[in-house]
Amino acid sequence: MATIGDPLMDLGNGLAYWIEAGDPAELHLMRRQPSHLDGMLSRQQLVEYYTERAGIISNGGNGAGFGFYQVFGLFRLVVIIQQMYFRYYHGQTKDSRFAGFGHLVNYLQGYLLNTIEQYS
């Protein structure tokens, strides 16, 4: 798949999956890459590095300039996980990995609301 659009949308979507060592245990349940290990960039560092190299925004992602993209990425992730749990709950899939996603959706909703408030 390929699209033409705002590259910060892709960065925001990717960061929704970027789990840091200090993140709550609920987020670590979603971790699929080693972004939590020593030596890996934090979300903030990744945004600063990307935006500096691309010359996209000057605030390094510290304020509302990147907040929209971070919130969008988290919202998208919550929708994806909710859809997976819905399918599991209604017997449309038997994949036991989705059994705990109801709890995860509820947690991520609160996490998302806190993130929105951070940028408000």
PDB file of N, CA and C in Angstrom:
ATOM      1  N   MET A   1       0.837  -1.173   0.000  1.00  0.00           N
ATOM      2  CA  MET A   1       0.000   0.000   0.000  1.00  0.00           C
ATOM      3  C   MET A   1       0.883   1.237   0.000  1.00  0.00           C
ATOM      4  N   ALA A   2       0.437   2.224  -0.682  1.00  0.00           N
ATOM      5  CA  ALA A   2       1.156   3.491  -0.706  1.00  0.00           C
ATOM      6  C   ALA A   2       0.137   4.610  -0.825  1.00  0.00           C
ATOM      7  N   THR A   3       0.420   5.674  -0.147  1.00  0.00           N
ATOM      8  CA  THR A   3      -0.450   6.838  -0.235  1.00  0.00           C
ATOM      9  C   THR A   3       0.409   8.073  -0.363  1.00  0.00           C
ATOM     10  N   ILE A   4      -0.191   9.119  -0.848  1.00  0.00           N
ATOM     11  CA  ILE A   4       0.475  10.404  -0.888  1.00  0.00           C
ATOM     12  C   ILE A   4      -0.257  11.275   0.127  1.00  0.00           C
ATOM     13  N   GLY A   5       0.478  11.758   1.085  1.00  0.00           N
ATOM     14  CA  GLY A   5      -0.169  12.580   2.090  1.00  0.00           C
ATOM     15  C   GLY A   5       0.862  13.124   3.052  1.00  0.00           C
ATOM     16  N   ASP A   6       0.395  13.578   4.167  1.00  0.00           N
ATOM     17  CA  ASP A   6       1.242  14.179   5.181  1.00  0.00           C
ATOM     18  C   ASP A   6       2.101  13.102   5.844  1.00  0.00           C
ATOM     19  N   PRO A   7       3.420  13.173   5.721  1.00  0.00           N
ATOM     20  CA  PRO A   7       4.282  12.143   6.317  1.00  0.00           C
ATOM     21  C   PRO A   7       4.201  12.109   7.840  1.00  0.00           C
ATOM     22  N   LEU A   8       3.739  13.187   8.468  1.00  0.00           N
ATOM     23  CA  LEU A   8       3.596  13.171   9.918  1.00  0.00           C
ATOM     24  C   LEU A   8       2.459  12.255  10.355  1.00  0.00           C
ATOM     25  N   MET A   9       1.507  11.981   9.460  1.00  0.00           N
ATOM     26  CA  MET A   9       0.463  11.001   9.779  1.00  0.00           C
ATOM     27  C   MET A   9       1.110   9.634   9.968  1.00  0.00           C
ATOM     28  N   ASP A  10       2.034   9.287   9.094  1.00  0.00           N
ATOM     29  CA  ASP A  10       2.729   8.005   9.222  1.00  0.00           C
ATOM     30  C   ASP A  10       3.554   7.955  10.499  1.00  0.00           C
ATOM     31  N   LEU A  11       4.211   9.050  10.822  1.00  0.00           N
ATOM     32  CA  LEU A  11       5.011   9.097  12.044  1.00  0.00           C
ATOM     33  C   LEU A  11       4.105   8.957  13.268  1.00  0.00           C
ATOM     34  N   GLY A  12       2.992   9.656  13.287  1.00  0.00           N
ATOM     35  CA  GLY A  12       2.047   9.540  14.395  1.00  0.00           C
ATOM     36  C   GLY A  12       1.501   8.131  14.538  1.00  0.00           C
ATOM     37  N   ASN A  13       1.185   7.499  13.414  1.00  0.00           N
ATOM     38  CA  ASN A  13       0.702   6.115  13.449  1.00  0.00           C
ATOM     39  C   ASN A  13       1.773   5.173  13.977  1.00  0.00           C
ATOM     40  N   GLY A  14       2.989   5.346  13.525  1.00  0.00           N
ATOM     41  CA  GLY A  14       4.082   4.488  13.985  1.00  0.00           C
ATOM     42  C   GLY A  14       4.374   4.646  15.464  1.00  0.00           C
ATOM     43  N   LEU A  15       4.282   5.875  15.951  1.00  0.00           N
ATOM     44  CA  LEU A  15       4.577   6.123  17.360  1.00  0.00           C
ATOM     45  C   LEU A  15       3.523   5.545  18.293  1.00  0.00           C
ATOM     46  N   ALA A  16       2.335   5.279  17.781  1.00  0.00           N
ATOM     47  CA  ALA A  16       1.309   4.645  18.608  1.00  0.00           C
ATOM     48  C   ALA A  16       1.761   3.254  19.045  1.00  0.00           C
ATOM     49  N   TYR A  17       2.642   2.647  18.281  1.00  0.00           N
ATOM     50  CA  TYR A  17       3.170   1.316  18.595  1.00  0.00           C
ATOM     51  C   TYR A  17       4.531   1.383  19.287  1.00  0.00           C
ATOM     52  N   TRP A  18       5.075   2.579  19.469  1.00  0.00           N
ATOM     53  CA  TRP A  18       6.421   2.766  20.021  1.00  0.00           C
ATOM     54  C   TRP A  18       6.327   2.729  21.543  1.00  0.00           C
ATOM     55  N   ILE A  19       6.774   1.650  22.148  1.00  0.00           N
ATOM     56  CA  ILE A  19       6.659   1.458  23.590  1.00  0.00           C
ATOM     57  C   ILE A  19       8.016   1.739  24.233  1.00  0.00           C
ATOM     58  N   GLU A  20       7.996   2.601  25.233  1.00  0.00           N
ATOM     59  CA  GLU A  20       9.227   2.959  25.947  1.00  0.00           C
ATOM     60  C   GLU A  20       9.328   2.156  27.245  1.00  0.00           C
ATOM     61  N   ALA A  21      10.546   2.020  27.766  1.00  0.00           N
ATOM     62  CA  ALA A  21      10.784   1.235  28.983  1.00  0.00           C
ATOM     63  C   ALA A  21       9.927   1.718  30.147  1.00  0.00           C
ATOM     64  N   GLY A  22       9.723   3.008  30.283  1.00  0.00           N
ATOM     65  CA  GLY A  22       8.979   3.560  31.405  1.00  0.00           C
ATOM     66  C   GLY A  22       7.469   3.601  31.216  1.00  0.00           C
ATOM     67  N   ASP A  23       6.972   3.094  30.109  1.00  0.00           N
ATOM     68  CA  ASP A  23       5.535   3.095  29.865  1.00  0.00           C
ATOM     69  C   ASP A  23       4.829   2.112  30.795  1.00  0.00           C
ATOM     70  N   PRO A  24       3.545   2.354  31.051  1.00  0.00           N
ATOM     71  CA  PRO A  24       2.773   1.439  31.898  1.00  0.00           C
ATOM     72  C   PRO A  24       2.739   0.012  31.333  1.00  0.00           C
ATOM     73  N   ALA A  25       2.555  -0.942  32.218  1.00  0.00           N
ATOM     74  CA  ALA A  25       2.557  -2.363  31.831  1.00  0.00           C
ATOM     75  C   ALA A  25       1.532  -2.657  30.736  1.00  0.00           C
ATOM     76  N   GLU A  26       0.383  -1.971  30.765  1.00  0.00           N
ATOM     77  CA  GLU A  26      -0.649  -2.208  29.756  1.00  0.00           C
ATOM     78  C   GLU A  26      -0.129  -1.924  28.349  1.00  0.00           C
ATOM     79  N   LEU A  27       0.684  -0.895  28.217  1.00  0.00           N
ATOM     80  CA  LEU A  27       1.246  -0.603  26.894  1.00  0.00           C
ATOM     81  C   LEU A  27       2.253  -1.665  26.479  1.00  0.00           C
ATOM     82  N   HIS A  28       2.985  -2.195  27.439  1.00  0.00           N
ATOM     83  CA  HIS A  28       3.972  -3.231  27.110  1.00  0.00           C
ATOM     84  C   HIS A  28       3.312  -4.500  26.581  1.00  0.00           C
ATOM     85  N   LEU A  29       2.048  -4.702  26.889  1.00  0.00           N
ATOM     86  CA  LEU A  29       1.331  -5.860  26.352  1.00  0.00           C
ATOM     87  C   LEU A  29       1.221  -5.786  24.834  1.00  0.00           C
ATOM     88  N   MET A  30       1.296  -4.590  24.281  1.00  0.00           N
ATOM     89  CA  MET A  30       1.181  -4.398  22.835  1.00  0.00           C
ATOM     90  C   MET A  30       2.531  -4.416  22.130  1.00  0.00           C
ATOM     91  N   ARG A  31       3.615  -4.415  22.869  1.00  0.00           N
ATOM     92  CA  ARG A  31       4.938  -4.250  22.275  1.00  0.00           C
ATOM     93  C   ARG A  31       5.252  -5.382  21.300  1.00  0.00           C
ATOM     94  N   ARG A  32       5.654  -4.985  20.100  1.00  0.00           N
ATOM     95  CA  ARG A  32       6.033  -5.956  19.061  1.00  0.00           C
ATOM     96  C   ARG A  32       7.422  -5.673  18.500  1.00  0.00           C
ATOM     97  N   GLN A  33       8.052  -4.648  19.019  1.00  0.00           N
ATOM     98  CA  GLN A  33       9.391  -4.270  18.547  1.00  0.00           C
ATOM     99  C   GLN A  33      10.220  -3.869  19.758  1.00  0.00           C
ATOM    100  N   PRO A  34      11.527  -3.866  19.628  1.00  0.00           N
ATOM    101  CA  PRO A  34      12.393  -3.604  20.789  1.00  0.00           C
ATOM    102  C   PRO A  34      12.589  -2.124  21.111  1.00  0.00           C
ATOM    103  N   SER A  35      11.554  -1.317  20.956  1.00  0.00           N
ATOM    104  CA  SER A  35      11.690   0.124  21.181  1.00  0.00           C
ATOM    105  C   SER A  35      11.902   0.475  22.652  1.00  0.00           C
ATOM    106  N   HIS A  36      11.737  -0.479  23.548  1.00  0.00           N
ATOM    107  CA  HIS A  36      11.886  -0.248  24.992  1.00  0.00           C
ATOM    108  C   HIS A  36      13.309  -0.472  25.491  1.00  0.00           C
ATOM    109  N   LEU A  37      14.187  -0.977  24.656  1.00  0.00           N
ATOM    110  CA  LEU A  37      15.540  -1.334  25.086  1.00  0.00           C
ATOM    111  C   LEU A  37      16.448  -0.113  25.209  1.00  0.00           C
ATOM    112  N   ASP A  38      17.466  -0.244  26.055  1.00  0.00           N
ATOM    113  CA  ASP A  38      18.467   0.816  26.194  1.00  0.00           C
ATOM    114  C   ASP A  38      19.066   1.147  24.836  1.00  0.00           C
ATOM    115  N   GLY A  39      19.244   2.429  24.594  1.00  0.00           N
ATOM    116  CA  GLY A  39      19.842   2.883  23.348  1.00  0.00           C
ATOM    117  C   GLY A  39      18.828   3.249  22.276  1.00  0.00           C
ATOM    118  N   MET A  40      17.563   2.845  22.475  1.00  0.00           N
ATOM    119  CA  MET A  40      16.536   3.212  21.497  1.00  0.00           C
ATOM    120  C   MET A  40      16.072   4.645  21.784  1.00  0.00           C
ATOM    121  N   LEU A  41      15.682   5.339  20.750  1.00  0.00           N
ATOM    122  CA  LEU A  41      15.183   6.699  20.908  1.00  0.00           C
ATOM    123  C   LEU A  41      13.842   6.677  21.633  1.00  0.00           C
ATOM    124  N   SER A  42      13.599   7.706  22.420  1.00  0.00           N
ATOM    125  CA  SER A  42      12.269   7.888  23.003  1.00  0.00           C
ATOM    126  C   SER A  42      11.347   8.404  21.897  1.00  0.00           C
ATOM    127  N   ARG A  43      10.054   8.418  22.154  1.00  0.00           N
ATOM    128  CA  ARG A  43       9.117   8.989  21.182  1.00  0.00           C
ATOM    129  C   ARG A  43       9.506  10.428  20.866  1.00  0.00           C
ATOM    130  N   GLN A  44       9.778  11.187  21.921  1.00  0.00           N
ATOM    131  CA  GLN A  44      10.135  12.595  21.756  1.00  0.00           C
ATOM    132  C   GLN A  44      11.395  12.743  20.897  1.00  0.00           C
ATOM    133  N   GLN A  45      12.406  11.938  21.187  1.00  0.00           N
ATOM    134  CA  GLN A  45      13.648  12.006  20.414  1.00  0.00           C
ATOM    135  C   GLN A  45      13.410  11.620  18.961  1.00  0.00           C
ATOM    136  N   LEU A  46      12.569  10.633  18.740  1.00  0.00           N
ATOM    137  CA  LEU A  46      12.277  10.197  17.383  1.00  0.00           C
ATOM    138  C   LEU A  46      11.575  11.297  16.597  1.00  0.00           C
ATOM    139  N   VAL A  47      10.610  11.964  17.237  1.00  0.00           N
ATOM    140  CA  VAL A  47       9.909  13.073  16.582  1.00  0.00           C
ATOM    141  C   VAL A  47      10.891  14.198  16.268  1.00  0.00           C
ATOM    142  N   GLU A  48      11.724  14.544  17.242  1.00  0.00           N
ATOM    143  CA  GLU A  48      12.699  15.620  17.024  1.00  0.00           C
ATOM    144  C   GLU A  48      13.662  15.275  15.893  1.00  0.00           C
ATOM    145  N   TYR A  49      14.160  14.052  15.889  1.00  0.00           N
ATOM    146  CA  TYR A  49      15.100  13.623  14.849  1.00  0.00           C
ATOM    147  C   TYR A  49      14.432  13.669  13.472  1.00  0.00           C
ATOM    148  N   TYR A  50      13.256  13.076  13.372  1.00  0.00           N
ATOM    149  CA  TYR A  50      12.549  13.007  12.099  1.00  0.00           C
ATOM    150  C   TYR A  50      12.224  14.387  11.562  1.00  0.00           C
ATOM    151  N   THR A  51      11.619  15.221  12.421  1.00  0.00           N
ATOM    152  CA  THR A  51      11.185  16.531  11.946  1.00  0.00           C
ATOM    153  C   THR A  51      12.367  17.441  11.619  1.00  0.00           C
ATOM    154  N   GLU A  52      13.446  17.307  12.377  1.00  0.00           N
ATOM    155  CA  GLU A  52      14.640  18.103  12.077  1.00  0.00           C
ATOM    156  C   GLU A  52      15.226  17.703  10.735  1.00  0.00           C
ATOM    157  N   ARG A  53      15.367  16.396  10.522  1.00  0.00           N
ATOM    158  CA  ARG A  53      15.956  15.911   9.263  1.00  0.00           C
ATOM    159  C   ARG A  53      15.064  16.223   8.066  1.00  0.00           C
ATOM    160  N   ALA A  54      13.752  16.171   8.278  1.00  0.00           N
ATOM    161  CA  ALA A  54      12.823  16.411   7.179  1.00  0.00           C
ATOM    162  C   ALA A  54      12.502  17.889   7.004  1.00  0.00           C
ATOM    163  N   GLY A  55      12.866  18.713   8.008  1.00  0.00           N
ATOM    164  CA  GLY A  55      12.559  20.135   7.940  1.00  0.00           C
ATOM    165  C   GLY A  55      11.066  20.415   7.954  1.00  0.00           C
ATOM    166  N   ILE A  56      10.327  19.588   8.656  1.00  0.00           N
ATOM    167  CA  ILE A  56       8.866  19.691   8.620  1.00  0.00           C
ATOM    168  C   ILE A  56       8.321  20.696   9.618  1.00  0.00           C
ATOM    169  N   ILE A  57       8.646  20.552  10.904  1.00  0.00           N
ATOM    170  CA  ILE A  57       8.172  21.495  11.906  1.00  0.00           C
ATOM    171  C   ILE A  57       9.349  21.917  12.765  1.00  0.00           C
ATOM    172  N   SER A  58       9.259  23.090  13.306  1.00  0.00           N
ATOM    173  CA  SER A  58      10.411  23.626  14.029  1.00  0.00           C
ATOM    174  C   SER A  58      10.359  23.392  15.535  1.00  0.00           C
ATOM    175  N   ASN A  59       9.192  22.985  16.070  1.00  0.00           N
ATOM    176  CA  ASN A  59       9.116  22.851  17.524  1.00  0.00           C
ATOM    177  C   ASN A  59       9.526  21.478  18.024  1.00  0.00           C
ATOM    178  N   GLY A  60      10.036  20.617  17.141  1.00  0.00           N
ATOM    179  CA  GLY A  60      10.531  19.309  17.565  1.00  0.00           C
ATOM    180  C   GLY A  60       9.456  18.424  18.151  1.00  0.00           C
ATOM    181  N   GLY A  61       8.211  18.702  17.863  1.00  0.00           N
ATOM    182  CA  GLY A  61       7.127  17.879  18.363  1.00  0.00           C
ATOM    183  C   GLY A  61       6.755  18.182  19.800  1.00  0.00           C
ATOM    184  N   ASN A  62       7.249  19.290  20.355  1.00  0.00           N
ATOM    185  CA  ASN A  62       6.994  19.585  21.765  1.00  0.00           C
ATOM    186  C   ASN A  62       5.599  20.120  22.035  1.00  0.00           C
ATOM    187  N   GLY A  63       4.931  20.622  21.055  1.00  0.00           N
ATOM    188  CA  GLY A  63       3.647  21.256  21.329  1.00  0.00           C
ATOM    189  C   GLY A  63       2.560  20.728  20.432  1.00  0.00           C
ATOM    190  N   ALA A  64       1.562  21.543  20.247  1.00  0.00           N
ATOM    191  CA  ALA A  64       0.401  21.136  19.472  1.00  0.00           C
ATOM    192  C   ALA A  64       0.754  20.840  18.022  1.00  0.00           C
ATOM    193  N   GLY A  65       1.910  21.290  17.553  1.00  0.00           N
ATOM    194  CA  GLY A  65       2.320  21.035  16.180  1.00  0.00           C
ATOM    195  C   GLY A  65       2.347  19.557  15.851  1.00  0.00           C
ATOM    196  N   PHE A  66       2.802  18.726  16.769  1.00  0.00           N
ATOM    197  CA  PHE A  66       2.808  17.290  16.540  1.00  0.00           C
ATOM    198  C   PHE A  66       1.699  16.589  17.313  1.00  0.00           C
ATOM    199  N   GLY A  67       1.109  17.254  18.269  1.00  0.00           N
ATOM    200  CA  GLY A  67       0.073  16.644  19.093  1.00  0.00           C
ATOM    201  C   GLY A  67      -1.062  16.039  18.296  1.00  0.00           C
ATOM    202  N   PHE A  68      -1.502  16.723  17.253  1.00  0.00           N
ATOM    203  CA  PHE A  68      -2.580  16.196  16.419  1.00  0.00           C
ATOM    204  C   PHE A  68      -2.217  14.834  15.871  1.00  0.00           C
ATOM    205  N   TYR A  69      -0.983  14.685  15.396  1.00  0.00           N
ATOM    206  CA  TYR A  69      -0.560  13.439  14.770  1.00  0.00           C
ATOM    207  C   TYR A  69      -0.420  12.306  15.789  1.00  0.00           C
ATOM    208  N   GLN A  70       0.056  12.656  16.965  1.00  0.00           N
ATOM    209  CA  GLN A  70       0.168  11.650  18.019  1.00  0.00           C
ATOM    210  C   GLN A  70      -1.219  11.174  18.448  1.00  0.00           C
ATOM    211  N   VAL A  71      -2.145  12.099  18.627  1.00  0.00           N
ATOM    212  CA  VAL A  71      -3.508  11.747  19.009  1.00  0.00           C
ATOM    213  C   VAL A  71      -4.170  10.931  17.903  1.00  0.00           C
ATOM    214  N   PHE A  72      -3.995  11.346  16.667  1.00  0.00           N
ATOM    215  CA  PHE A  72      -4.575  10.604  15.548  1.00  0.00           C
ATOM    216  C   PHE A  72      -4.055   9.167  15.524  1.00  0.00           C
ATOM    217  N   GLY A  73      -2.750   8.989  15.698  1.00  0.00           N
ATOM    218  CA  GLY A  73      -2.164   7.648  15.692  1.00  0.00           C
ATOM    219  C   GLY A  73      -2.725   6.777  16.802  1.00  0.00           C
ATOM    220  N   LEU A  74      -2.876   7.344  17.991  1.00  0.00           N
ATOM    221  CA  LEU A  74      -3.440   6.584  19.113  1.00  0.00           C
ATOM    222  C   LEU A  74      -4.911   6.248  18.868  1.00  0.00           C
ATOM    223  N   PHE A  75      -5.665   7.211  18.341  1.00  0.00           N
ATOM    224  CA  PHE A  75      -7.075   6.959  18.040  1.00  0.00           C
ATOM    225  C   PHE A  75      -7.207   5.823  17.027  1.00  0.00           C
ATOM    226  N   ARG A  76      -6.398   5.867  16.010  1.00  0.00           N
ATOM    227  CA  ARG A  76      -6.405   4.821  14.978  1.00  0.00           C
ATOM    228  C   ARG A  76      -6.104   3.464  15.598  1.00  0.00           C
ATOM    229  N   LEU A  77      -5.119   3.419  16.488  1.00  0.00           N
ATOM    230  CA  LEU A  77      -4.753   2.167  17.150  1.00  0.00           C
ATOM    231  C   LEU A  77      -5.908   1.640  18.003  1.00  0.00           C
ATOM    232  N   VAL A  78      -6.581   2.523  18.740  1.00  0.00           N
ATOM    233  CA  VAL A  78      -7.714   2.101  19.565  1.00  0.00           C
ATOM    234  C   VAL A  78      -8.812   1.499  18.682  1.00  0.00           C
ATOM    235  N   VAL A  79      -9.080   2.109  17.547  1.00  0.00           N
ATOM    236  CA  VAL A  79     -10.106   1.597  16.632  1.00  0.00           C
ATOM    237  C   VAL A  79      -9.704   0.210  16.120  1.00  0.00           C
ATOM    238  N   ILE A  80      -8.449   0.034  15.757  1.00  0.00           N
ATOM    239  CA  ILE A  80      -7.981  -1.262  15.255  1.00  0.00           C
ATOM    240  C   ILE A  80      -8.124  -2.338  16.326  1.00  0.00           C
ATOM    241  N   ILE A  81      -7.693  -2.038  17.537  1.00  0.00           N
ATOM    242  CA  ILE A  81      -7.762  -3.024  18.614  1.00  0.00           C
ATOM    243  C   ILE A  81      -9.214  -3.320  18.984  1.00  0.00           C
ATOM    244  N   GLN A  82     -10.063  -2.294  18.991  1.00  0.00           N
ATOM    245  CA  GLN A  82     -11.487  -2.505  19.264  1.00  0.00           C
ATOM    246  C   GLN A  82     -12.095  -3.435  18.224  1.00  0.00           C
ATOM    247  N   GLN A  83     -11.742  -3.236  16.978  1.00  0.00           N
ATOM    248  CA  GLN A  83     -12.273  -4.086  15.909  1.00  0.00           C
ATOM    249  C   GLN A  83     -11.814  -5.526  16.093  1.00  0.00           C
ATOM    250  N   MET A  84     -10.583  -5.743  16.498  1.00  0.00           N
ATOM    251  CA  MET A  84     -10.081  -7.100  16.722  1.00  0.00           C
ATOM    252  C   MET A  84     -10.817  -7.764  17.890  1.00  0.00           C
ATOM    253  N   TYR A  85     -11.027  -6.997  18.952  1.00  0.00           N
ATOM    254  CA  TYR A  85     -11.745  -7.542  20.104  1.00  0.00           C
ATOM    255  C   TYR A  85     -13.200  -7.843  19.742  1.00  0.00           C
ATOM    256  N   PHE A  86     -13.836  -6.963  18.993  1.00  0.00           N
ATOM    257  CA  PHE A  86     -15.220  -7.178  18.560  1.00  0.00           C
ATOM    258  C   PHE A  86     -15.330  -8.512  17.829  1.00  0.00           C
ATOM    259  N   ARG A  87     -14.421  -8.760  16.923  1.00  0.00           N
ATOM    260  CA  ARG A  87     -14.437 -10.021  16.167  1.00  0.00           C
ATOM    261  C   ARG A  87     -14.254 -11.218  17.090  1.00  0.00           C
ATOM    262  N   TYR A  88     -13.350 -11.103  18.054  1.00  0.00           N
ATOM    263  CA  TYR A  88     -13.130 -12.198  19.001  1.00  0.00           C
ATOM    264  C   TYR A  88     -14.383 -12.416  19.870  1.00  0.00           C
ATOM    265  N   TYR A  89     -14.910 -11.339  20.414  1.00  0.00           N
ATOM    266  CA  TYR A  89     -16.061 -11.404  21.314  1.00  0.00           C
ATOM    267  C   TYR A  89     -17.275 -12.047  20.633  1.00  0.00           C
ATOM    268  N   HIS A  90     -17.471 -11.754  19.367  1.00  0.00           N
ATOM    269  CA  HIS A  90     -18.612 -12.272  18.621  1.00  0.00           C
ATOM    270  C   HIS A  90     -18.317 -13.581  17.904  1.00  0.00           C
ATOM    271  N   GLY A  91     -17.187 -14.207  18.230  1.00  0.00           N
ATOM    272  CA  GLY A  91     -16.869 -15.520  17.675  1.00  0.00           C
ATOM    273  C   GLY A  91     -16.469 -15.518  16.220  1.00  0.00           C
ATOM    274  N   GLN A  92     -16.121 -14.368  15.688  1.00  0.00           N
ATOM    275  CA  GLN A  92     -15.707 -14.292  14.295  1.00  0.00           C
ATOM    276  C   GLN A  92     -14.255 -14.687  14.111  1.00  0.00           C
ATOM    277  N   THR A  93     -13.538 -14.802  15.217  1.00  0.00           N
ATOM    278  CA  THR A  93     -12.173 -15.330  15.229  1.00  0.00           C
ATOM    279  C   THR A  93     -11.995 -16.049  16.554  1.00  0.00           C
ATOM    280  N   LYS A  94     -11.147 -17.049  16.558  1.00  0.00           N
ATOM    281  CA  LYS A  94     -10.878 -17.817  17.781  1.00  0.00           C
ATOM    282  C   LYS A  94      -9.487 -17.515  18.326  1.00  0.00           C
ATOM    283  N   ASP A  95      -8.816 -16.537  17.750  1.00  0.00           N
ATOM    284  CA  ASP A  95      -7.439 -16.206  18.140  1.00  0.00           C
ATOM    285  C   ASP A  95      -7.423 -15.695  19.581  1.00  0.00           C
ATOM    286  N   SER A  96      -6.868 -16.485  20.480  1.00  0.00           N
ATOM    287  CA  SER A  96      -6.889 -16.154  21.910  1.00  0.00           C
ATOM    288  C   SER A  96      -6.070 -14.910  22.252  1.00  0.00           C
ATOM    289  N   ARG A  97      -5.214 -14.453  21.345  1.00  0.00           N
ATOM    290  CA  ARG A  97      -4.458 -13.219  21.605  1.00  0.00           C
ATOM    291  C   ARG A  97      -5.391 -12.025  21.768  1.00  0.00           C
ATOM    292  N   PHE A  98      -6.596 -12.108  21.210  1.00  0.00           N
ATOM    293  CA  PHE A  98      -7.526 -10.989  21.243  1.00  0.00           C
ATOM    294  C   PHE A  98      -8.416 -10.991  22.485  1.00  0.00           C
ATOM    295  N   ALA A  99      -8.344 -12.017  23.308  1.00  0.00           N
ATOM    296  CA  ALA A  99      -9.245 -12.160  24.460  1.00  0.00           C
ATOM    297  C   ALA A  99      -9.139 -10.992  25.439  1.00  0.00           C
ATOM    298  N   GLY A 100      -7.952 -10.479  25.678  1.00  0.00           N
ATOM    299  CA  GLY A 100      -7.757  -9.384  26.626  1.00  0.00           C
ATOM    300  C   GLY A 100      -7.843  -8.007  26.013  1.00  0.00           C
ATOM    301  N   PHE A 101      -8.212  -7.914  24.752  1.00  0.00           N
ATOM    302  CA  PHE A 101      -8.207  -6.625  24.080  1.00  0.00           C
ATOM    303  C   PHE A 101      -9.314  -5.693  24.573  1.00  0.00           C
ATOM    304  N   GLY A 102     -10.378  -6.232  25.173  1.00  0.00           N
ATOM    305  CA  GLY A 102     -11.420  -5.365  25.728  1.00  0.00           C
ATOM    306  C   GLY A 102     -10.832  -4.485  26.816  1.00  0.00           C
ATOM    307  N   HIS A 103     -10.055  -5.101  27.708  1.00  0.00           N
ATOM    308  CA  HIS A 103      -9.383  -4.344  28.768  1.00  0.00           C
ATOM    309  C   HIS A 103      -8.396  -3.349  28.158  1.00  0.00           C
ATOM    310  N   LEU A 104      -7.669  -3.784  27.139  1.00  0.00           N
ATOM    311  CA  LEU A 104      -6.683  -2.915  26.505  1.00  0.00           C
ATOM    312  C   LEU A 104      -7.345  -1.706  25.850  1.00  0.00           C
ATOM    313  N   VAL A 105      -8.486  -1.909  25.218  1.00  0.00           N
ATOM    314  CA  VAL A 105      -9.206  -0.791  24.601  1.00  0.00           C
ATOM    315  C   VAL A 105      -9.600   0.229  25.663  1.00  0.00           C
ATOM    316  N   ASN A 106     -10.114  -0.258  26.787  1.00  0.00           N
ATOM    317  CA  ASN A 106     -10.502   0.657  27.864  1.00  0.00           C
ATOM    318  C   ASN A 106      -9.300   1.426  28.390  1.00  0.00           C
ATOM    319  N   TYR A 107      -8.174   0.737  28.559  1.00  0.00           N
ATOM    320  CA  TYR A 107      -6.962   1.415  29.023  1.00  0.00           C
ATOM    321  C   TYR A 107      -6.521   2.466  28.008  1.00  0.00           C
ATOM    322  N   LEU A 108      -6.465   2.074  26.737  1.00  0.00           N
ATOM    323  CA  LEU A 108      -5.999   2.990  25.692  1.00  0.00           C
ATOM    324  C   LEU A 108      -6.909   4.195  25.540  1.00  0.00           C
ATOM    325  N   GLN A 109      -8.195   4.014  25.795  1.00  0.00           N
ATOM    326  CA  GLN A 109      -9.106   5.156  25.745  1.00  0.00           C
ATOM    327  C   GLN A 109      -8.681   6.206  26.773  1.00  0.00           C
ATOM    328  N   GLY A 110      -8.395   5.772  27.992  1.00  0.00           N
ATOM    329  CA  GLY A 110      -7.929   6.708  29.020  1.00  0.00           C
ATOM    330  C   GLY A 110      -6.591   7.321  28.658  1.00  0.00           C
ATOM    331  N   TYR A 111      -5.696   6.503  28.120  1.00  0.00           N
ATOM    332  CA  TYR A 111      -4.374   6.978  27.693  1.00  0.00           C
ATOM    333  C   TYR A 111      -4.531   8.032  26.600  1.00  0.00           C
ATOM    334  N   LEU A 112      -5.431   7.769  25.676  1.00  0.00           N
ATOM    335  CA  LEU A 112      -5.693   8.704  24.592  1.00  0.00           C
ATOM    336  C   LEU A 112      -6.263  10.011  25.124  1.00  0.00           C
ATOM    337  N   LEU A 113      -7.229   9.925  26.025  1.00  0.00           N
ATOM    338  CA  LEU A 113      -7.811  11.147  26.602  1.00  0.00           C
ATOM    339  C   LEU A 113      -6.764  11.960  27.352  1.00  0.00           C
ATOM    340  N   ASN A 114      -5.863  11.280  28.070  1.00  0.00           N
ATOM    341  CA  ASN A 114      -4.771  11.996  28.759  1.00  0.00           C
ATOM    342  C   ASN A 114      -3.857  12.676  27.751  1.00  0.00           C
ATOM    343  N   THR A 115      -3.599  12.019  26.652  1.00  0.00           N
ATOM    344  CA  THR A 115      -2.743  12.603  25.609  1.00  0.00           C
ATOM    345  C   THR A 115      -3.414  13.831  25.003  1.00  0.00           C
ATOM    346  N   ILE A 116      -4.708  13.738  24.752  1.00  0.00           N
ATOM    347  CA  ILE A 116      -5.451  14.891  24.221  1.00  0.00           C
ATOM    348  C   ILE A 116      -5.355  16.056  25.200  1.00  0.00           C
ATOM    349  N   GLU A 117      -5.554  15.775  26.472  1.00  0.00           N
ATOM    350  CA  GLU A 117      -5.494  16.831  27.479  1.00  0.00           C
ATOM    351  C   GLU A 117      -4.097  17.472  27.555  1.00  0.00           C
ATOM    352  N   GLN A 118      -3.086  16.666  27.339  1.00  0.00           N
ATOM    353  CA  GLN A 118      -1.703  17.165  27.363  1.00  0.00           C
ATOM    354  C   GLN A 118      -1.494  18.249  26.311  1.00  0.00           C
ATOM    355  N   TYR A 119      -2.172  18.135  25.183  1.00  0.00           N
ATOM    356  CA  TYR A 119      -2.007  19.095  24.085  1.00  0.00           C
ATOM    357  C   TYR A 119      -3.072  20.179  24.085  1.00  0.00           C
ATOM    358  N   SER A 120      -4.010  20.137  25.014  1.00  0.00           N
ATOM    359  CA  SER A 120      -5.100  21.129  25.030  1.00  0.00           C
ATOM    360  C   SER A 120      -4.667  22.408  25.705  1.00  0.00           C
TER     361      SER A 120
END
